[in-house]
Every structure is written in C-alpha cells, then in structure tokens.
Amino acid sequence: MMTEKAFKTPAALAAYAAEHGLDFEQTTPKAIEGEYLDSRYCFIQDGLIVGHGIIDPGLEDDVSAIELVAFAYRCPGCGERHVDNLVWIDDETVKCATCGALYDPNEEV
C-alpha cells in the first residue's frame, strides 16, 4: 500500500524533510481520490516526487509523523487510514483495529 505521512504543523513537515534531505512543495488544493486536501505536500528528491505529506492539526504530537495509507485503501467500515491500525491477516485481508472490519484493500471501496 502506498503511504503518506501526516504532520501536526507545516514546521514539523519541514523539519522531517530537512532531516531526510528532501525538498517539498505544497500542491494545489484539490480533491484527490475523493478527499479534499488543502494542506497536501509532495516530498521531492533529485527532481522526483518520492512521497506525500499532509497537515493534520488534530495530531497530538507536533514532532513525530504518522503514516497513513492512501485514501483508496482506507477501512470501508470507519475510514481509518493510520497504518498501525490496519493489520494484514493474510495476502488478501486487512483487519481494522479501530472498528474490527475485515476487507480486501485491493477491492474498490
């Protein structure tokens, strides 16, 4: 699954990029995979986009980043995207630790 990182503030995102030797730029606000993100960033290395970051003011910690699965792979039961709460059971099944739903992330939500 493709992941992106969430940060509480733009400063936390900038610190992460600097620590990993990445440039970053804010993308144009628009709907991406059905989700409106106005604080979405691309991480760039050697002229290539190597990842994405979003700003989530609801995060408790301003320093660390959490990894999120792409919007298309979220839990169909509750919308959970935090990678630590989506546990692979076998090659085709993920269990959501938040709501208990079992699903195949390769099927359309």
C-alpha atoms as a PDB file:
ATOM      1  CA  MET A   1       0.000   0.000   0.000  1.00  0.00           C
ATOM      2  CA  MET A   2       1.207   3.465  -0.778  1.00  0.00           C
ATOM      3  CA  THR A   3       1.537   5.600   2.320  1.00  0.00           C
ATOM      4  CA  GLU A   4       1.820   9.252   3.146  1.00  0.00           C
ATOM      5  CA  LYS A   5       2.873  10.971   6.345  1.00  0.00           C
ATOM      6  CA  ALA A   6       0.751  13.270   8.478  1.00  0.00           C
ATOM      7  CA  PHE A   7       2.191  16.164  10.491  1.00  0.00           C
ATOM      8  CA  LYS A   8       0.561  18.482  13.026  1.00  0.00           C
ATOM      9  CA  THR A   9       2.133  21.641  11.571  1.00  0.00           C
ATOM     10  CA  PRO A  10       3.940  22.781   8.425  1.00  0.00           C
ATOM     11  CA  ALA A  11       7.035  23.328  10.618  1.00  0.00           C
ATOM     12  CA  ALA A  12       7.022  19.640  11.607  1.00  0.00           C
ATOM     13  CA  LEU A  13       6.759  18.675   7.928  1.00  0.00           C
ATOM     14  CA  ALA A  14       9.670  20.980   7.052  1.00  0.00           C
ATOM     15  CA  ALA A  15      11.798  19.513   9.859  1.00  0.00           C
ATOM     16  CA  TYR A  16      11.091  15.969   8.612  1.00  0.00           C
ATOM     17  CA  ALA A  17      12.048  16.953   5.047  1.00  0.00           C
ATOM     18  CA  ALA A  18      15.285  18.596   6.208  1.00  0.00           C
ATOM     19  CA  GLU A  19      16.200  15.579   8.347  1.00  0.00           C
ATOM     20  CA  HIS A  20      15.773  13.254   5.352  1.00  0.00           C
ATOM     21  CA  GLY A  21      17.407  15.520   2.749  1.00  0.00           C
ATOM     22  CA  LEU A  22      14.165  16.157   0.877  1.00  0.00           C
ATOM     23  CA  ASP A  23      12.734  19.222  -0.758  1.00  0.00           C
ATOM     24  CA  PHE A  24       8.986  19.765  -0.538  1.00  0.00           C
ATOM     25  CA  GLU A  25       6.308  21.891  -2.092  1.00  0.00           C
ATOM     26  CA  GLN A  26       2.636  22.428  -1.431  1.00  0.00           C
ATOM     27  CA  THR A  27       0.393  21.082  -4.143  1.00  0.00           C
ATOM     28  CA  THR A  28      -2.628  22.951  -5.441  1.00  0.00           C
ATOM     29  CA  PRO A  29      -5.668  22.391  -3.206  1.00  0.00           C
ATOM     30  CA  LYS A  30      -7.986  19.963  -4.969  1.00  0.00           C
ATOM     31  CA  ALA A  31      -9.930  16.770  -4.477  1.00  0.00           C
ATOM     32  CA  ILE A  32      -7.575  13.788  -4.556  1.00  0.00           C
ATOM     33  CA  GLU A  33      -9.214  10.349  -4.659  1.00  0.00           C
ATOM     34  CA  GLY A  34     -12.448  11.831  -3.355  1.00  0.00           C
ATOM     35  CA  GLU A  35     -10.860  13.621  -0.397  1.00  0.00           C
ATOM     36  CA  TYR A  36     -10.358  17.394  -0.288  1.00  0.00           C
ATOM     37  CA  LEU A  37      -6.889  18.160   0.994  1.00  0.00           C
ATOM     38  CA  ASP A  38      -5.842  21.782   1.220  1.00  0.00           C
ATOM     39  CA  SER A  39      -2.633  21.087   3.105  1.00  0.00           C
ATOM     40  CA  ARG A  40      -1.039  18.431   0.914  1.00  0.00           C
ATOM     41  CA  TYR A  41       2.668  18.415   0.103  1.00  0.00           C
ATOM     42  CA  CYS A  42       4.989  16.449  -2.172  1.00  0.00           C
ATOM     43  CA  PHE A  43       8.415  15.346  -0.992  1.00  0.00           C
ATOM     44  CA  ILE A  44      10.978  15.704  -3.772  1.00  0.00           C
ATOM     45  CA  GLN A  45      14.397  14.107  -4.154  1.00  0.00           C
ATOM     46  CA  ASP A  46      16.580  14.555  -7.240  1.00  0.00           C
ATOM     47  CA  GLY A  47      13.655  16.163  -9.080  1.00  0.00           C
ATOM     48  CA  LEU A  48      11.304  13.216  -8.477  1.00  0.00           C
ATOM     49  CA  ILE A  49       8.305  13.027  -6.161  1.00  0.00           C
ATOM     50  CA  VAL A  50       9.193  10.397  -3.562  1.00  0.00           C
ATOM     51  CA  GLY A  51       6.273  10.761  -1.140  1.00  0.00           C
ATOM     52  CA  HIS A  52       3.442  12.869   0.180  1.00  0.00           C
ATOM     53  CA  GLY A  53       2.689  14.658   3.409  1.00  0.00           C
ATOM     54  CA  ILE A  54      -0.449  16.212   4.821  1.00  0.00           C
ATOM     55  CA  ILE A  55      -1.047  18.605   7.694  1.00  0.00           C
ATOM     56  CA  ASP A  56      -3.431  17.328  10.377  1.00  0.00           C
ATOM     57  CA  PRO A  57      -3.854  19.832  13.239  1.00  0.00           C
ATOM     58  CA  GLY A  58      -5.676  17.129  15.218  1.00  0.00           C
ATOM     59  CA  LEU A  59      -2.495  15.141  15.843  1.00  0.00           C
ATOM     60  CA  GLU A  60      -1.376  15.078  19.458  1.00  0.00           C
ATOM     61  CA  ASP A  61       2.357  15.295  18.789  1.00  0.00           C
ATOM     62  CA  ASP A  62       3.973  18.115  16.831  1.00  0.00           C
ATOM     63  CA  VAL A  63       7.261  16.285  16.336  1.00  0.00           C
ATOM     64  CA  SER A  64       6.577  12.796  15.024  1.00  0.00           C
ATOM     65  CA  ALA A  65       4.812  11.849  11.842  1.00  0.00           C
ATOM     66  CA  ILE A  66       2.252   9.094  11.452  1.00  0.00           C
ATOM     67  CA  GLU A  67       1.959   7.008   8.323  1.00  0.00           C
ATOM     68  CA  LEU A  68      -1.366   6.868   6.544  1.00  0.00           C
ATOM     69  CA  VAL A  69      -2.442   4.504   3.804  1.00  0.00           C
ATOM     70  CA  ALA A  70      -3.657   6.135   0.607  1.00  0.00           C
ATOM     71  CA  PHE A  71      -7.285   7.243   0.726  1.00  0.00           C
ATOM     72  CA  ALA A  72      -8.311   4.428  -1.642  1.00  0.00           C
ATOM     73  CA  TYR A  73      -7.039   1.810   0.861  1.00  0.00           C
ATOM     74  CA  ARG A  74      -8.830   3.190   3.922  1.00  0.00           C
ATOM     75  CA  CYS A  75     -11.113   0.981   6.017  1.00  0.00           C
ATOM     76  CA  PRO A  76     -14.528   0.803   4.354  1.00  0.00           C
ATOM     77  CA  GLY A  77     -16.166   0.499   7.778  1.00  0.00           C
ATOM     78  CA  CYS A  78     -14.877   3.598   9.543  1.00  0.00           C
ATOM     79  CA  GLY A  79     -12.448   5.312   7.153  1.00  0.00           C
ATOM     80  CA  GLU A  80      -9.359   4.528   9.262  1.00  0.00           C
ATOM     81  CA  ARG A  81      -6.087   5.313   7.444  1.00  0.00           C
ATOM     82  CA  HIS A  82      -3.427   5.020  10.195  1.00  0.00           C
ATOM     83  CA  VAL A  83      -1.111   2.215   9.047  1.00  0.00           C
ATOM     84  CA  ASP A  84      -0.658   0.877  12.603  1.00  0.00           C
ATOM     85  CA  ASN A  85      -4.423   0.311  12.918  1.00  0.00           C
ATOM     86  CA  LEU A  86      -4.742  -1.682   9.684  1.00  0.00           C
ATOM     87  CA  VAL A  87      -3.357  -5.182  10.235  1.00  0.00           C
ATOM     88  CA  TRP A  88      -2.701  -7.679   7.437  1.00  0.00           C
ATOM     89  CA  ILE A  89      -4.323 -11.027   8.302  1.00  0.00           C
ATOM     90  CA  ASP A  90      -3.289 -12.807   5.079  1.00  0.00           C
ATOM     91  CA  ASP A  91      -2.381 -11.860   1.491  1.00  0.00           C
ATOM     92  CA  GLU A  92      -5.874 -10.525   0.738  1.00  0.00           C
ATOM     93  CA  THR A  93      -7.342  -9.490   4.084  1.00  0.00           C
ATOM     94  CA  VAL A  94      -6.779  -6.493   6.342  1.00  0.00           C
ATOM     95  CA  LYS A  95      -8.417  -6.105   9.753  1.00  0.00           C
ATOM     96  CA  CYS A  96      -9.162  -2.624  11.058  1.00  0.00           C
ATOM     97  CA  ALA A  97      -8.198  -2.375  14.732  1.00  0.00           C
ATOM     98  CA  THR A  98     -10.491   0.634  15.124  1.00  0.00           C
ATOM     99  CA  CYS A  99     -13.819  -0.922  14.086  1.00  0.00           C
ATOM    100  CA  GLY A 100     -12.998  -4.604  13.516  1.00  0.00           C
ATOM    101  CA  ALA A 101     -13.909  -4.631   9.815  1.00  0.00           C
ATOM    102  CA  LEU A 102     -12.213  -7.202   7.572  1.00  0.00           C
ATOM    103  CA  TYR A 103     -11.613  -6.144   3.965  1.00  0.00           C
ATOM    104  CA  ASP A 104      -9.550  -6.682   0.851  1.00  0.00           C
ATOM    105  CA  PRO A 105      -7.681  -3.406   0.172  1.00  0.00           C
ATOM    106  CA  ASN A 106      -7.333  -4.372  -3.483  1.00  0.00           C
ATOM    107  CA  GLU A 107     -11.099  -4.175  -3.998  1.00  0.00           C
ATOM    108  CA  GLU A 108     -12.716  -0.815  -4.605  1.00  0.00           C
ATOM    109  CA  VAL A 109     -14.213   0.829  -1.523  1.00  0.00           C
END
